[in-house]
């Protein structure tokens, strides 16, 4: 069970880091809207896909042998997706954009701006 959770988080960070490398290699700025959208999409897809697979495996492992089929309202899926999108955006997209803005606005070093933005970002 621990490895499934670690796999979801590891995959999410892998998607974020690969996205960052692709953005850097293409010479795009950290505030480029297309780059941030691509990073957001890749990271969210990896996180949500992994989470759904993990949850399905947990249900099979720990659920009742003969469980009643329960229909989940569409609003629950929408709220789940919205929560994940806000978390991924706040954890992986906002800090990079905020750090770039802090560096431009205050002249702080890139490292200081990255640290401050990571500490004050939502999740």
Foldseek 3Di string as FASTA:
>chain_A
DVVLVVVLVVQLVVLLVVLVVVCVVVPHALQDPVSLVSSLVSSLCSNVVSVVVSVVVCCVVPPDPDDDDDDDDPVVVVVVSVVSSLVSCQQRRQLSNQLVVCCVPPVDDSVVSSVVSNVPGDD
